[in-house]
Amino acid sequence: MAVMTLAAKAPQERRRRILEAAIDVLRERGFSGTRVADIAAAAGTSPALVLYHFSSLGEVLLEALTSVDEAFYAELDEASTDPAADDACDQLVRVAALAGRGGAAFGDWQLWLEVWVRARHDPQVNDVRRALDARWREALRGVVALGVAEGAFTVPDAERASLRLASLMDGLAVQAVLGDHGMTPERMTDLWLEGAAVELGADRDALAARLRATRG
């Protein structure tokens, strides 16, 4: 993990740099293994400055999760090479591919695990979790509704279908983060897309072919 050097900068820039360092540290060590001092060291600054911008380690975790969530949706929106020709199957495959990426991005699921655990006991964390979960389900609901309108998907209730798809993704991600059942990010993506095809009455082979095309 690279260590930043945080010289005198505008407050918003300092905050952004500290948050970037925090995301790297939290991905690598998890919440329980992270100290404010670790974030400060990675950002090339002092613990006092970290706490000046973030009141607690818990706030850092919430900001980190919100930040990576925003980055996910931004990438989801920008990934289409031809928005005019973008159909629901393309969008579904893109969701699967981005959510199950390997490398540093897969550490974002580690952040989610930390938030799920803390949400049981911390109302503030739970409020953020609820809002982000609702956004995730709404994004899936939009894809499902588009597919129904296009005739590619057959589901009686897009809302319920999107809830089941979100739950399937979360469950697979837990297994992948914990390393259970040989669950790699790639296998997680494949299994989720297979489940989505069954849930939505979509052409499983066609979806798999589109996914292979994204992998090159």
Protein backbone atom coordinates (compact mmCIF):
# COMPACT_ATOMS: atom_id res chain seq x y z
CA MET A 1 0.00 0.00 0.00
CA ALA A 2 1.44 3.35 -1.10
CA VAL A 3 1.96 6.04 1.53
CA MET A 4 0.85 9.56 0.63
CA THR A 5 2.64 12.75 1.55
CA LEU A 6 0.08 15.29 2.69
CA ALA A 7 1.64 18.73 2.58
CA ALA A 8 -0.29 21.92 3.26
CA LYS A 9 -3.37 21.84 1.05
CA ALA A 10 -6.88 23.26 0.95
CA PRO A 11 -9.07 21.61 3.63
CA GLN A 12 -11.25 19.77 1.09
CA GLU A 13 -8.20 18.38 -0.66
CA ARG A 14 -6.69 17.24 2.64
CA ARG A 15 -9.97 15.56 3.54
CA ARG A 16 -10.16 13.81 0.19
CA ARG A 17 -6.60 12.54 0.47
CA ILE A 18 -7.18 11.25 4.00
CA LEU A 19 -10.34 9.48 2.85
CA GLU A 20 -8.47 7.81 -0.02
CA ALA A 21 -5.84 6.57 2.43
CA ALA A 22 -8.56 5.36 4.81
CA ILE A 23 -10.23 3.35 2.06
CA ASP A 24 -6.94 1.62 1.26
CA VAL A 25 -6.27 0.80 4.90
CA LEU A 26 -9.82 -0.41 5.60
CA ARG A 27 -9.79 -2.61 2.51
CA GLU A 28 -6.53 -4.18 3.66
CA ARG A 29 -7.11 -4.51 7.41
CA GLY A 30 -10.85 -4.22 8.04
CA PHE A 31 -12.39 -1.95 10.64
CA SER A 32 -11.29 -3.93 13.69
CA GLY A 33 -7.68 -3.98 12.48
CA THR A 34 -7.50 -0.28 11.62
CA ARG A 35 -6.39 2.55 13.90
CA VAL A 36 -6.56 6.26 13.27
CA ALA A 37 -2.76 6.20 13.42
CA ASP A 38 -2.69 3.71 10.52
CA ILE A 39 -4.78 6.04 8.36
CA ALA A 40 -2.61 9.01 9.33
CA ALA A 41 0.55 7.10 8.42
CA ALA A 42 -0.87 6.07 5.04
CA ALA A 43 -1.94 9.67 4.35
CA GLY A 44 1.38 11.11 5.44
CA THR A 45 -0.22 13.22 8.16
CA SER A 46 -0.99 13.13 11.89
CA PRO A 47 -3.79 11.37 13.79
CA ALA A 48 -4.90 14.80 15.03
CA LEU A 49 -5.48 15.97 11.47
CA VAL A 50 -7.43 12.81 10.65
CA LEU A 51 -9.70 13.46 13.63
CA TYR A 52 -10.01 17.11 12.65
CA HIS A 53 -11.68 16.02 9.41
CA PHE A 54 -13.43 12.91 10.77
CA SER A 55 -14.72 12.84 14.33
CA SER A 56 -14.13 9.10 14.80
CA LEU A 57 -13.01 5.92 13.10
CA GLY A 58 -16.68 5.02 12.72
CA GLU A 59 -17.29 8.18 10.72
CA VAL A 60 -14.31 7.33 8.52
CA LEU A 61 -15.87 3.92 7.77
CA LEU A 62 -19.20 5.46 6.78
CA GLU A 63 -17.55 8.07 4.59
CA ALA A 64 -15.38 5.41 2.99
CA LEU A 65 -18.36 3.22 2.14
CA THR A 66 -20.35 6.16 0.79
CA SER A 67 -17.38 7.20 -1.33
CA VAL A 68 -16.83 3.78 -2.92
CA ASP A 69 -20.59 3.48 -3.45
CA GLU A 70 -20.61 6.75 -5.39
CA ALA A 71 -17.63 5.58 -7.43
CA PHE A 72 -19.44 2.32 -8.25
CA TYR A 73 -22.50 4.09 -9.65
CA ALA A 74 -20.40 6.60 -11.53
CA GLU A 75 -18.51 3.77 -13.20
CA LEU A 76 -21.76 1.93 -13.87
CA ASP A 77 -23.12 4.98 -15.69
CA GLU A 78 -19.94 5.59 -17.66
CA ALA A 79 -19.24 2.00 -18.67
CA SER A 80 -21.62 1.90 -21.61
CA THR A 81 -19.78 2.44 -24.89
CA ASP A 82 -23.03 3.33 -26.67
CA PRO A 83 -25.79 4.55 -24.29
CA ALA A 84 -28.27 4.80 -27.15
CA ALA A 85 -27.94 1.06 -27.83
CA ASP A 86 -27.65 0.04 -24.17
CA ASP A 87 -30.34 -2.52 -23.31
CA ALA A 88 -31.35 -4.14 -20.02
CA CYS A 89 -29.23 -7.24 -20.64
CA ASP A 90 -26.16 -5.06 -21.17
CA GLN A 91 -26.91 -3.23 -17.93
CA LEU A 92 -27.46 -6.45 -15.98
CA VAL A 93 -24.15 -7.87 -17.19
CA ARG A 94 -22.39 -4.62 -16.33
CA VAL A 95 -23.80 -4.69 -12.80
CA ALA A 96 -22.57 -8.26 -12.37
CA ALA A 97 -19.12 -7.51 -13.80
CA LEU A 98 -18.53 -4.37 -11.72
CA ALA A 99 -19.90 -5.80 -8.47
CA GLY A 100 -17.72 -8.89 -8.74
CA ARG A 101 -14.45 -7.32 -9.81
CA GLY A 102 -11.26 -8.60 -8.25
CA GLY A 103 -8.32 -6.58 -7.00
CA ALA A 104 -8.61 -3.58 -4.72
CA ALA A 105 -12.21 -2.92 -5.75
CA PHE A 106 -13.26 -6.24 -4.24
CA GLY A 107 -12.16 -4.89 -0.89
CA ASP A 108 -15.25 -2.69 -0.98
CA TRP A 109 -17.28 -5.73 0.00
CA GLN A 110 -15.08 -5.93 3.09
CA LEU A 111 -16.30 -2.44 3.98
CA TRP A 112 -19.87 -3.62 3.57
CA LEU A 113 -19.30 -6.53 5.96
CA GLU A 114 -17.95 -4.11 8.56
CA VAL A 115 -21.00 -1.86 8.16
CA TRP A 116 -23.47 -4.75 8.36
CA VAL A 117 -21.97 -5.86 11.68
CA ARG A 118 -21.90 -2.35 13.15
CA ALA A 119 -25.40 -1.51 11.90
CA ARG A 120 -26.90 -3.96 14.40
CA HIS A 121 -25.75 -1.78 17.28
CA ASP A 122 -25.29 1.72 15.86
CA PRO A 123 -28.39 3.63 14.61
CA GLN A 124 -26.30 6.10 12.61
CA VAL A 125 -24.50 3.32 10.78
CA ASN A 126 -27.82 1.58 10.20
CA ASP A 127 -29.34 4.72 8.69
CA VAL A 128 -26.49 4.97 6.19
CA ARG A 129 -26.74 1.26 5.45
CA ARG A 130 -30.47 1.55 4.77
CA ALA A 131 -29.98 4.47 2.40
CA LEU A 132 -27.23 2.74 0.43
CA ASP A 133 -29.14 -0.54 0.32
CA ALA A 134 -32.21 1.29 -0.97
CA ARG A 135 -30.14 2.88 -3.73
CA TRP A 136 -28.73 -0.52 -4.72
CA ARG A 137 -32.19 -2.10 -4.89
CA GLU A 138 -33.56 0.85 -6.85
CA ALA A 139 -30.73 0.53 -9.39
CA LEU A 140 -31.55 -3.15 -9.83
CA ARG A 141 -35.28 -2.42 -10.01
CA GLY A 142 -34.63 0.03 -12.84
CA VAL A 143 -32.73 -2.61 -14.82
CA VAL A 144 -35.45 -5.19 -14.21
CA ALA A 145 -38.24 -2.80 -15.21
CA LEU A 146 -36.38 -1.88 -18.40
CA GLY A 147 -35.93 -5.54 -19.27
CA VAL A 148 -39.63 -6.21 -18.76
CA ALA A 149 -40.50 -3.25 -21.01
CA GLU A 150 -38.11 -4.55 -23.67
CA GLY A 151 -39.52 -8.07 -23.43
CA ALA A 152 -36.17 -9.54 -22.35
CA PHE A 153 -37.29 -10.31 -18.77
CA THR A 154 -40.48 -11.87 -17.47
CA VAL A 155 -41.26 -11.04 -13.85
CA PRO A 156 -44.59 -10.21 -12.17
CA ASP A 157 -43.07 -7.81 -9.63
CA ALA A 158 -39.86 -5.86 -10.37
CA GLU A 159 -39.60 -4.66 -6.78
CA ARG A 160 -39.61 -8.14 -5.28
CA ALA A 161 -37.30 -9.46 -7.98
CA SER A 162 -34.77 -6.69 -7.33
CA LEU A 163 -34.84 -7.44 -3.59
CA ARG A 164 -34.07 -11.11 -4.24
CA LEU A 165 -31.27 -10.22 -6.66
CA ALA A 166 -29.75 -7.78 -4.16
CA SER A 167 -29.91 -10.42 -1.44
CA LEU A 168 -28.27 -13.00 -3.70
CA MET A 169 -25.42 -10.62 -4.49
CA ASP A 170 -24.90 -9.83 -0.80
CA GLY A 171 -24.86 -13.51 0.15
CA LEU A 172 -22.36 -14.42 -2.55
CA ALA A 173 -20.17 -11.48 -1.57
CA VAL A 174 -20.05 -12.66 2.06
CA GLN A 175 -18.85 -16.09 0.91
CA ALA A 176 -16.29 -14.52 -1.41
CA VAL A 177 -14.87 -12.19 1.26
CA LEU A 178 -14.63 -15.10 3.70
CA GLY A 179 -13.14 -17.38 1.04
CA ASP A 180 -15.82 -20.04 1.40
CA HIS A 181 -16.59 -22.72 -1.20
CA GLY A 182 -13.85 -21.52 -3.54
CA MET A 183 -15.84 -18.35 -4.12
CA THR A 184 -13.63 -16.09 -6.21
CA PRO A 185 -14.88 -12.73 -7.52
CA GLU A 186 -15.19 -14.27 -11.00
CA ARG A 187 -17.25 -17.21 -9.72
CA MET A 188 -19.40 -14.81 -7.70
CA THR A 189 -20.15 -12.87 -10.89
CA ASP A 190 -20.97 -16.02 -12.85
CA LEU A 191 -23.28 -17.43 -10.17
CA TRP A 192 -25.11 -14.14 -9.67
CA LEU A 193 -25.75 -13.76 -13.39
CA GLU A 194 -26.99 -17.37 -13.56
CA GLY A 195 -29.34 -16.65 -10.66
CA ALA A 196 -30.51 -13.43 -12.30
CA ALA A 197 -31.31 -15.30 -15.51
CA VAL A 198 -33.49 -17.76 -13.58
CA GLU A 199 -35.15 -15.00 -11.54
CA LEU A 200 -35.90 -12.85 -14.59
CA GLY A 201 -36.73 -15.54 -17.12
CA ALA A 202 -33.84 -14.30 -19.26
CA ASP A 203 -31.67 -16.19 -21.75
CA ARG A 204 -28.88 -17.54 -19.56
CA ASP A 205 -26.55 -18.43 -22.45
CA ALA A 206 -26.96 -15.00 -24.04
CA LEU A 207 -26.15 -13.26 -20.77
CA ALA A 208 -23.10 -15.49 -20.25
CA ALA A 209 -21.88 -14.67 -23.77
CA ARG A 210 -22.17 -10.94 -23.06
CA LEU A 211 -20.26 -11.39 -19.83
CA ARG A 212 -17.46 -13.26 -21.62
CA ALA A 213 -17.25 -10.39 -24.10
CA THR A 214 -16.66 -7.94 -21.24
CA ARG A 215 -13.78 -10.08 -20.01
CA GLY A 216 -12.09 -10.06 -23.40
